[in-house]
């Protein structure tokens, strides 16, 4: 049975540490995808933690990590798991997500952009321009949280800077199939969705407006500038992706969800 993305995400939050560098084994946590009855959950076993203060050492200081398996395919498979889908690493690719409106965003970006997105993504790490591995950057907070071969690892920002290459693969869920672009003058339900998402972001009341008018054009352009995109006021895949990331990030990181899941974990 596929894992609930909210359950997976919040269980990881429940075992997060603020130490500079710590490793947790988290696949001892067993989940169900139902949220209606807390008694249906199986207990989450206590995480196995190795308390070792590290500075800039590479990950091979942990014999538990089989870095030979830290491939792109395994990391992408783990990223699908974060979304609640099981995709075998031997048969994983970006095309597998299209049936559920999941798309890949593959890019080389600066660290400032990664921090702005702050969204689960596959990242490539490299040591001495020779050894490379792939991990899932799960969350950026006081530390950078990495998922590698079933372990959750917290690293400092400096550690991440030393080994990150800038390469990411991000999975994002489109709210609807996008055909062409959404732009000034159009009248459709996609415009209505766009209006309400931007209104919500700006703290404005919701409204059912299907016409792309001058006010919406300015809202889109402002959002694009804030996101570091070309501010042409036209909503294509990149602008839609940034909006979708913002929406899902806000939803899955609601404190109420974290508290709910903590309440059903065996103390």
C-alpha atoms as a PDB file:
ATOM      1  CA  UNK A   1       0.000   0.000   0.000  1.00  0.00           C
ATOM      2  CA  UNK A   2       1.365   3.453  -0.908  1.00  0.00           C
ATOM      3  CA  UNK A   3       2.446   5.668   1.976  1.00  0.00           C
ATOM      4  CA  UNK A   4       0.522   8.817   2.708  1.00  0.00           C
ATOM      5  CA  UNK A   5       2.780  11.754   1.823  1.00  0.00           C
ATOM      6  CA  UNK A   6       1.561  13.710   4.854  1.00  0.00           C
ATOM      7  CA  UNK A   7       2.230  10.771   7.180  1.00  0.00           C
ATOM      8  CA  UNK A   8       5.707  10.161   5.752  1.00  0.00           C
ATOM      9  CA  UNK A   9       6.597  13.841   5.844  1.00  0.00           C
ATOM     10  CA  UNK A  10       5.394  14.445   9.401  1.00  0.00           C
ATOM     11  CA  UNK A  11       6.980  11.331  10.862  1.00  0.00           C
ATOM     12  CA  UNK A  12      10.299  12.639   9.622  1.00  0.00           C
ATOM     13  CA  UNK A  13       9.546  15.961  11.314  1.00  0.00           C
ATOM     14  CA  UNK A  14       8.899  14.069  14.543  1.00  0.00           C
ATOM     15  CA  UNK A  15      12.421  12.652  14.636  1.00  0.00           C
ATOM     16  CA  UNK A  16      14.276  15.769  13.509  1.00  0.00           C
ATOM     17  CA  UNK A  17      17.234  16.939  15.574  1.00  0.00           C
ATOM     18  CA  UNK A  18      18.924  20.331  15.703  1.00  0.00           C
ATOM     19  CA  UNK A  19      22.422  18.861  16.121  1.00  0.00           C
ATOM     20  CA  UNK A  20      25.048  19.864  13.568  1.00  0.00           C
ATOM     21  CA  UNK A  21      25.298  16.378  12.078  1.00  0.00           C
ATOM     22  CA  UNK A  22      23.261  13.388  13.163  1.00  0.00           C
ATOM     23  CA  UNK A  23      22.015  10.226  11.520  1.00  0.00           C
ATOM     24  CA  UNK A  24      18.694   8.487  12.176  1.00  0.00           C
ATOM     25  CA  UNK A  25      17.316   5.220  10.895  1.00  0.00           C
ATOM     26  CA  UNK A  26      13.691   6.020  10.093  1.00  0.00           C
ATOM     27  CA  UNK A  27      12.355   3.117   8.091  1.00  0.00           C
ATOM     28  CA  UNK A  28      11.524   1.471  11.418  1.00  0.00           C
ATOM     29  CA  UNK A  29       8.431   3.683  11.290  1.00  0.00           C
ATOM     30  CA  UNK A  30       5.468   1.797   9.864  1.00  0.00           C
ATOM     31  CA  UNK A  31       2.582   3.767   8.441  1.00  0.00           C
ATOM     32  CA  UNK A  32      -0.937   3.339   7.153  1.00  0.00           C
ATOM     33  CA  UNK A  33      -2.493   5.661   4.611  1.00  0.00           C
ATOM     34  CA  UNK A  34      -5.679   6.240   6.647  1.00  0.00           C
ATOM     35  CA  UNK A  35      -5.921   9.317   8.822  1.00  0.00           C
ATOM     36  CA  UNK A  36      -9.494   8.976  10.116  1.00  0.00           C
ATOM     37  CA  UNK A  37      -8.793   6.634  13.044  1.00  0.00           C
ATOM     38  CA  UNK A  38      -5.540   7.030  15.004  1.00  0.00           C
ATOM     39  CA  UNK A  39      -5.954   3.533  16.454  1.00  0.00           C
ATOM     40  CA  UNK A  40      -5.329   2.149  12.960  1.00  0.00           C
ATOM     41  CA  UNK A  41      -1.732   3.377  12.994  1.00  0.00           C
ATOM     42  CA  UNK A  42       1.053   0.995  13.843  1.00  0.00           C
ATOM     43  CA  UNK A  43       3.664   2.327  16.224  1.00  0.00           C
ATOM     44  CA  UNK A  44       6.717   4.169  15.010  1.00  0.00           C
ATOM     45  CA  UNK A  45       9.774   2.551  16.538  1.00  0.00           C
ATOM     46  CA  UNK A  46      12.367   4.733  18.221  1.00  0.00           C
ATOM     47  CA  UNK A  47      14.929   6.049  15.722  1.00  0.00           C
ATOM     48  CA  UNK A  48      18.434   4.666  15.885  1.00  0.00           C
ATOM     49  CA  UNK A  49      20.739   7.658  16.381  1.00  0.00           C
ATOM     50  CA  UNK A  50      24.513   7.824  16.103  1.00  0.00           C
ATOM     51  CA  UNK A  51      25.754  10.898  17.942  1.00  0.00           C
ATOM     52  CA  UNK A  52      29.001  11.911  16.313  1.00  0.00           C
ATOM     53  CA  UNK A  53      30.058  15.512  15.846  1.00  0.00           C
ATOM     54  CA  UNK A  54      31.488  15.993  12.392  1.00  0.00           C
ATOM     55  CA  UNK A  55      32.936  18.996  10.628  1.00  0.00           C
ATOM     56  CA  UNK A  56      33.598  18.428   6.938  1.00  0.00           C
ATOM     57  CA  UNK A  57      34.042  14.675   6.880  1.00  0.00           C
ATOM     58  CA  UNK A  58      32.522  12.729   4.018  1.00  0.00           C
ATOM     59  CA  UNK A  59      29.669  10.284   4.619  1.00  0.00           C
ATOM     60  CA  UNK A  60      31.903   7.211   4.556  1.00  0.00           C
ATOM     61  CA  UNK A  61      32.534   7.733   8.282  1.00  0.00           C
ATOM     62  CA  UNK A  62      29.230   5.881   8.708  1.00  0.00           C
ATOM     63  CA  UNK A  63      29.650   2.183   7.814  1.00  0.00           C
ATOM     64  CA  UNK A  64      25.838   1.824   7.937  1.00  0.00           C
ATOM     65  CA  UNK A  65      25.582   3.848   4.731  1.00  0.00           C
ATOM     66  CA  UNK A  66      26.210   1.784   1.636  1.00  0.00           C
ATOM     67  CA  UNK A  67      27.239   4.646  -0.610  1.00  0.00           C
ATOM     68  CA  UNK A  68      27.569   2.332  -3.606  1.00  0.00           C
ATOM     69  CA  UNK A  69      23.758   2.218  -3.590  1.00  0.00           C
ATOM     70  CA  UNK A  70      23.379   5.997  -3.394  1.00  0.00           C
ATOM     71  CA  UNK A  71      22.514   6.209  -7.080  1.00  0.00           C
ATOM     72  CA  UNK A  72      20.241   8.614  -8.919  1.00  0.00           C
ATOM     73  CA  UNK A  73      17.660   5.871  -9.473  1.00  0.00           C
ATOM     74  CA  UNK A  74      17.533   4.962  -5.760  1.00  0.00           C
ATOM     75  CA  UNK A  75      17.235   8.618  -4.778  1.00  0.00           C
ATOM     76  CA  UNK A  76      14.452   9.243  -7.311  1.00  0.00           C
ATOM     77  CA  UNK A  77      12.639   6.165  -6.025  1.00  0.00           C
ATOM     78  CA  UNK A  78      12.897   7.594  -2.492  1.00  0.00           C
ATOM     79  CA  UNK A  79      11.531  10.910  -3.749  1.00  0.00           C
ATOM     80  CA  UNK A  80       8.473   9.128  -5.184  1.00  0.00           C
ATOM     81  CA  UNK A  81       8.046   7.507  -1.750  1.00  0.00           C
ATOM     82  CA  UNK A  82       7.927  10.931  -0.137  1.00  0.00           C
ATOM     83  CA  UNK A  83       4.991  11.664  -2.435  1.00  0.00           C
ATOM     84  CA  UNK A  84       3.347   8.389  -1.408  1.00  0.00           C
ATOM     85  CA  UNK A  85       4.124   6.281  -4.490  1.00  0.00           C
ATOM     86  CA  UNK A  86       6.198   3.124  -4.631  1.00  0.00           C
ATOM     87  CA  UNK A  87       8.342   2.964  -7.751  1.00  0.00           C
ATOM     88  CA  UNK A  88      11.029   0.308  -7.992  1.00  0.00           C
ATOM     89  CA  UNK A  89      14.518   1.761  -8.439  1.00  0.00           C
ATOM     90  CA  UNK A  90      15.103  -0.611 -11.350  1.00  0.00           C
ATOM     91  CA  UNK A  91      12.180   0.907 -13.248  1.00  0.00           C
ATOM     92  CA  UNK A  92      12.114   4.530 -12.099  1.00  0.00           C
ATOM     93  CA  UNK A  93      12.076   7.630 -14.302  1.00  0.00           C
ATOM     94  CA  UNK A  94      10.323  10.957 -14.597  1.00  0.00           C
ATOM     95  CA  UNK A  95       7.705   9.532 -16.958  1.00  0.00           C
ATOM     96  CA  UNK A  96       6.283   7.293 -14.215  1.00  0.00           C
ATOM     97  CA  UNK A  97       4.673  10.229 -12.448  1.00  0.00           C
ATOM     98  CA  UNK A  98       2.745  11.686 -15.371  1.00  0.00           C
ATOM     99  CA  UNK A  99      -0.341   9.546 -14.806  1.00  0.00           C
ATOM    100  CA  UNK A 100      -0.849  11.277 -11.437  1.00  0.00           C
ATOM    101  CA  UNK A 101       0.188  14.732 -12.724  1.00  0.00           C
ATOM    102  CA  UNK A 102       3.650  14.532 -11.158  1.00  0.00           C
ATOM    103  CA  UNK A 103       6.313  16.203 -13.276  1.00  0.00           C
ATOM    104  CA  UNK A 104      10.081  16.471 -12.963  1.00  0.00           C
ATOM    105  CA  UNK A 105      11.882  19.787 -12.744  1.00  0.00           C
ATOM    106  CA  UNK A 106      15.551  19.118 -13.543  1.00  0.00           C
ATOM    107  CA  UNK A 107      17.889  22.060 -13.239  1.00  0.00           C
ATOM    108  CA  UNK A 108      21.197  23.385 -11.968  1.00  0.00           C
ATOM    109  CA  UNK A 109      20.432  26.108  -9.431  1.00  0.00           C
ATOM    110  CA  UNK A 110      22.267  28.223  -6.825  1.00  0.00           C
ATOM    111  CA  UNK A 111      21.959  27.471  -3.137  1.00  0.00           C
ATOM    112  CA  UNK A 112      19.808  30.567  -2.625  1.00  0.00           C
ATOM    113  CA  UNK A 113      17.219  29.119  -5.015  1.00  0.00           C
ATOM    114  CA  UNK A 114      17.284  25.733  -3.301  1.00  0.00           C
ATOM    115  CA  UNK A 115      16.651  27.434   0.050  1.00  0.00           C
ATOM    116  CA  UNK A 116      13.816  29.441  -1.456  1.00  0.00           C
ATOM    117  CA  UNK A 117      12.153  26.297  -2.823  1.00  0.00           C
ATOM    118  CA  UNK A 118      12.856  24.277   0.356  1.00  0.00           C
ATOM    119  CA  UNK A 119      11.127  21.277  -1.163  1.00  0.00           C
ATOM    120  CA  UNK A 120      11.991  17.560  -1.349  1.00  0.00           C
ATOM    121  CA  UNK A 121      14.384  17.096  -4.282  1.00  0.00           C
ATOM    122  CA  UNK A 122      17.089  14.741  -5.496  1.00  0.00           C
ATOM    123  CA  UNK A 123      20.493  16.396  -5.171  1.00  0.00           C
ATOM    124  CA  UNK A 124      23.910  15.353  -6.429  1.00  0.00           C
ATOM    125  CA  UNK A 125      26.772  15.469  -3.911  1.00  0.00           C
ATOM    126  CA  UNK A 126      30.389  15.180  -4.954  1.00  0.00           C
ATOM    127  CA  UNK A 127      33.667  14.670  -3.094  1.00  0.00           C
ATOM    128  CA  UNK A 128      36.963  15.883  -4.593  1.00  0.00           C
ATOM    129  CA  UNK A 129      35.438  15.894  -8.116  1.00  0.00           C
ATOM    130  CA  UNK A 130      35.644  12.101  -8.072  1.00  0.00           C
ATOM    131  CA  UNK A 131      33.115  10.403  -5.797  1.00  0.00           C
ATOM    132  CA  UNK A 132      29.473  11.306  -6.402  1.00  0.00           C
ATOM    133  CA  UNK A 133      26.280  10.195  -4.705  1.00  0.00           C
ATOM    134  CA  UNK A 134      22.624  11.183  -4.881  1.00  0.00           C
ATOM    135  CA  UNK A 135      20.379  11.975  -1.933  1.00  0.00           C
ATOM    136  CA  UNK A 136      16.984  13.521  -1.290  1.00  0.00           C
ATOM    137  CA  UNK A 137      17.109  16.932   0.332  1.00  0.00           C
ATOM    138  CA  UNK A 138      14.042  16.602   2.538  1.00  0.00           C
ATOM    139  CA  UNK A 139      13.904  19.916   4.350  1.00  0.00           C
ATOM    140  CA  UNK A 140      16.066  22.953   5.059  1.00  0.00           C
ATOM    141  CA  UNK A 141      15.741  24.400   8.539  1.00  0.00           C
ATOM    142  CA  UNK A 142      18.492  24.842  11.128  1.00  0.00           C
ATOM    143  CA  UNK A 143      20.156  21.946   9.362  1.00  0.00           C
ATOM    144  CA  UNK A 144      19.914  20.396   5.914  1.00  0.00           C
ATOM    145  CA  UNK A 145      18.035  17.097   6.126  1.00  0.00           C
ATOM    146  CA  UNK A 146      19.134  14.394   3.676  1.00  0.00           C
ATOM    147  CA  UNK A 147      17.568  11.010   2.946  1.00  0.00           C
ATOM    148  CA  UNK A 148      20.184   8.449   1.899  1.00  0.00           C
ATOM    149  CA  UNK A 149      19.510   4.720   1.693  1.00  0.00           C
ATOM    150  CA  UNK A 150      16.818   4.742   4.367  1.00  0.00           C
ATOM    151  CA  UNK A 151      18.604   7.091   6.754  1.00  0.00           C
ATOM    152  CA  UNK A 152      17.784  10.658   7.698  1.00  0.00           C
ATOM    153  CA  UNK A 153      20.943  12.717   8.101  1.00  0.00           C
ATOM    154  CA  UNK A 154      21.218  16.294   9.383  1.00  0.00           C
ATOM    155  CA  UNK A 155      24.161  18.279   8.028  1.00  0.00           C
ATOM    156  CA  UNK A 156      25.239  21.865   8.511  1.00  0.00           C
ATOM    157  CA  UNK A 157      24.884  24.427   5.731  1.00  0.00           C
ATOM    158  CA  UNK A 158      28.656  24.609   5.388  1.00  0.00           C
ATOM    159  CA  UNK A 159      28.873  20.828   4.950  1.00  0.00           C
ATOM    160  CA  UNK A 160      26.199  20.951   2.267  1.00  0.00           C
ATOM    161  CA  UNK A 161      27.949  23.830   0.472  1.00  0.00           C
ATOM    162  CA  UNK A 162      31.203  21.849   0.406  1.00  0.00           C
ATOM    163  CA  UNK A 163      29.692  18.855  -1.395  1.00  0.00           C
ATOM    164  CA  UNK A 164      26.623  20.009  -3.326  1.00  0.00           C
ATOM    165  CA  UNK A 165      26.999  20.437  -7.096  1.00  0.00           C
ATOM    166  CA  UNK A 166      23.878  22.501  -7.813  1.00  0.00           C
ATOM    167  CA  UNK A 167      22.072  19.678  -9.645  1.00  0.00           C
ATOM    168  CA  UNK A 168      18.493  18.929  -8.546  1.00  0.00           C
ATOM    169  CA  UNK A 169      15.520  16.864  -9.664  1.00  0.00           C
ATOM    170  CA  UNK A 170      12.270  18.002  -8.104  1.00  0.00           C
ATOM    171  CA  UNK A 171       8.873  16.314  -8.351  1.00  0.00           C
ATOM    172  CA  UNK A 172       5.919  18.682  -8.380  1.00  0.00           C
ATOM    173  CA  UNK A 173       2.220  18.032  -8.760  1.00  0.00           C
ATOM    174  CA  UNK A 174       0.297  20.103 -11.277  1.00  0.00           C
ATOM    175  CA  UNK A 175      -3.209  21.140 -10.166  1.00  0.00           C
ATOM    176  CA  UNK A 176      -4.443  20.466 -13.701  1.00  0.00           C
ATOM    177  CA  UNK A 177      -3.040  19.393 -17.086  1.00  0.00           C
ATOM    178  CA  UNK A 178      -1.445  22.523 -18.560  1.00  0.00           C
ATOM    179  CA  UNK A 179      -1.940  22.960 -22.285  1.00  0.00           C
ATOM    180  CA  UNK A 180      -0.076  25.986 -23.543  1.00  0.00           C
ATOM    181  CA  UNK A 181       0.032  28.920 -21.133  1.00  0.00           C
ATOM    182  CA  UNK A 182      -2.332  30.983 -18.965  1.00  0.00           C
ATOM    183  CA  UNK A 183      -2.145  34.646 -19.947  1.00  0.00           C
ATOM    184  CA  UNK A 184      -3.828  38.018 -20.101  1.00  0.00           C
ATOM    185  CA  UNK A 185      -7.245  38.079 -21.744  1.00  0.00           C
ATOM    186  CA  UNK A 186      -8.134  34.408 -21.222  1.00  0.00           C
ATOM    187  CA  UNK A 187     -11.383  33.228 -19.625  1.00  0.00           C
ATOM    188  CA  UNK A 188     -11.367  29.751 -18.050  1.00  0.00           C
ATOM    189  CA  UNK A 189     -11.370  27.834 -14.751  1.00  0.00           C
ATOM    190  CA  UNK A 190      -7.592  27.683 -14.699  1.00  0.00           C
ATOM    191  CA  UNK A 191      -7.606  31.454 -14.344  1.00  0.00           C
ATOM    192  CA  UNK A 192     -10.003  31.101 -11.385  1.00  0.00           C
ATOM    193  CA  UNK A 193      -7.559  28.697  -9.698  1.00  0.00           C
ATOM    194  CA  UNK A 194      -4.679  31.099 -10.350  1.00  0.00           C
ATOM    195  CA  UNK A 195      -6.601  34.059  -8.899  1.00  0.00           C
ATOM    196  CA  UNK A 196      -7.341  32.238  -5.658  1.00  0.00           C
ATOM    197  CA  UNK A 197      -3.804  30.927  -5.155  1.00  0.00           C
ATOM    198  CA  UNK A 198      -2.273  34.360  -5.603  1.00  0.00           C
ATOM    199  CA  UNK A 199      -4.971  35.970  -3.467  1.00  0.00           C
ATOM    200  CA  UNK A 200      -4.270  33.436  -0.716  1.00  0.00           C
ATOM    201  CA  UNK A 201      -0.541  34.152  -0.898  1.00  0.00           C
ATOM    202  CA  UNK A 202      -1.193  37.899  -0.543  1.00  0.00           C
ATOM    203  CA  UNK A 203      -3.768  37.496   2.201  1.00  0.00           C
ATOM    204  CA  UNK A 204      -6.663  38.602   0.014  1.00  0.00           C
ATOM    205  CA  UNK A 205     -10.144  37.030   0.120  1.00  0.00           C
ATOM    206  CA  UNK A 206     -11.008  34.263  -2.344  1.00  0.00           C
ATOM    207  CA  UNK A 207     -13.122  35.075  -5.370  1.00  0.00           C
ATOM    208  CA  UNK A 208     -14.463  33.263  -8.408  1.00  0.00           C
ATOM    209  CA  UNK A 209     -13.027  35.249 -11.282  1.00  0.00           C
ATOM    210  CA  UNK A 210     -12.352  33.460 -14.543  1.00  0.00           C
ATOM    211  CA  UNK A 211     -11.070  36.469 -16.535  1.00  0.00           C
ATOM    212  CA  UNK A 212      -7.345  37.200 -16.670  1.00  0.00           C
ATOM    213  CA  UNK A 213      -7.406  40.970 -16.154  1.00  0.00           C
ATOM    214  CA  UNK A 214      -4.796  43.663 -15.535  1.00  0.00           C
ATOM    215  CA  UNK A 215      -4.840  43.168 -11.767  1.00  0.00           C
ATOM    216  CA  UNK A 216      -4.068  39.463 -12.176  1.00  0.00           C
ATOM    217  CA  UNK A 217      -1.341  40.318 -14.675  1.00  0.00           C
ATOM    218  CA  UNK A 218       0.365  42.443 -12.023  1.00  0.00           C
ATOM    219  CA  UNK A 219      -0.109  39.713  -9.388  1.00  0.00           C
ATOM    220  CA  UNK A 220       1.520  37.116 -11.658  1.00  0.00           C
ATOM    221  CA  UNK A 221       4.386  39.456 -12.593  1.00  0.00           C
ATOM    222  CA  UNK A 222       5.019  40.272  -8.931  1.00  0.00           C
ATOM    223  CA  UNK A 223       5.093  36.573  -8.014  1.00  0.00           C
ATOM    224  CA  UNK A 224       7.496  35.845 -10.877  1.00  0.00           C
ATOM    225  CA  UNK A 225       9.881  38.567  -9.743  1.00  0.00           C
ATOM    226  CA  UNK A 226       9.800  37.222  -6.195  1.00  0.00           C
ATOM    227  CA  UNK A 227      10.513  33.708  -7.483  1.00  0.00           C
ATOM    228  CA  UNK A 228      13.403  34.835  -9.682  1.00  0.00           C
ATOM    229  CA  UNK A 229      11.541  34.164 -12.938  1.00  0.00           C
ATOM    230  CA  UNK A 230      11.071  36.338 -16.016  1.00  0.00           C
ATOM    231  CA  UNK A 231       8.241  38.655 -15.043  1.00  0.00           C
ATOM    232  CA  UNK A 232       6.272  38.525 -18.293  1.00  0.00           C
ATOM    233  CA  UNK A 233       2.933  37.824 -16.582  1.00  0.00           C
ATOM    234  CA  UNK A 234       2.503  34.583 -18.537  1.00  0.00           C
ATOM    235  CA  UNK A 235       1.943  31.395 -16.557  1.00  0.00           C
ATOM    236  CA  UNK A 236       3.822  28.497 -18.113  1.00  0.00           C
ATOM    237  CA  UNK A 237       5.299  25.324 -16.571  1.00  0.00           C
ATOM    238  CA  UNK A 238       7.989  27.130 -14.534  1.00  0.00           C
ATOM    239  CA  UNK A 239       5.600  29.633 -12.948  1.00  0.00           C
ATOM    240  CA  UNK A 240       2.998  26.929 -12.315  1.00  0.00           C
ATOM    241  CA  UNK A 241       5.668  24.723 -10.726  1.00  0.00           C
ATOM    242  CA  UNK A 242       6.725  27.503  -8.345  1.00  0.00           C
ATOM    243  CA  UNK A 243       3.087  28.058  -7.323  1.00  0.00           C
ATOM    244  CA  UNK A 244       2.460  24.330  -6.852  1.00  0.00           C
ATOM    245  CA  UNK A 245       5.588  23.967  -4.712  1.00  0.00           C
ATOM    246  CA  UNK A 246       4.487  26.867  -2.532  1.00  0.00           C
ATOM    247  CA  UNK A 247       1.003  25.406  -2.067  1.00  0.00           C
ATOM    248  CA  UNK A 248       2.148  21.892  -1.135  1.00  0.00           C
ATOM    249  CA  UNK A 249       4.963  23.103   1.096  1.00  0.00           C
ATOM    250  CA  UNK A 250       2.599  25.238   3.133  1.00  0.00           C
ATOM    251  CA  UNK A 251       0.057  22.426   3.451  1.00  0.00           C
ATOM    252  CA  UNK A 252       2.366  19.587   4.446  1.00  0.00           C
ATOM    253  CA  UNK A 253       4.272  21.659   6.976  1.00  0.00           C
ATOM    254  CA  UNK A 254       1.248  22.841   8.935  1.00  0.00           C
ATOM    255  CA  UNK A 255       1.960  22.450  12.643  1.00  0.00           C
ATOM    256  CA  UNK A 256      -1.446  20.832  13.153  1.00  0.00           C
ATOM    257  CA  UNK A 257      -0.413  17.929  10.902  1.00  0.00           C
ATOM    258  CA  UNK A 258       2.865  17.461  12.764  1.00  0.00           C
ATOM    259  CA  UNK A 259       1.105  17.472  16.138  1.00  0.00           C
ATOM    260  CA  UNK A 260      -1.496  14.980  14.869  1.00  0.00           C
ATOM    261  CA  UNK A 261       1.095  12.462  13.799  1.00  0.00           C
ATOM    262  CA  UNK A 262       3.145  12.885  16.968  1.00  0.00           C
ATOM    263  CA  UNK A 263       0.032  12.024  18.956  1.00  0.00           C
ATOM    264  CA  UNK A 264      -0.114   8.532  17.455  1.00  0.00           C
ATOM    265  CA  UNK A 265       3.561   7.649  17.832  1.00  0.00           C
ATOM    266  CA  UNK A 266       4.401   5.301  20.685  1.00  0.00           C
ATOM    267  CA  UNK A 267       6.318   7.235  23.317  1.00  0.00           C
END
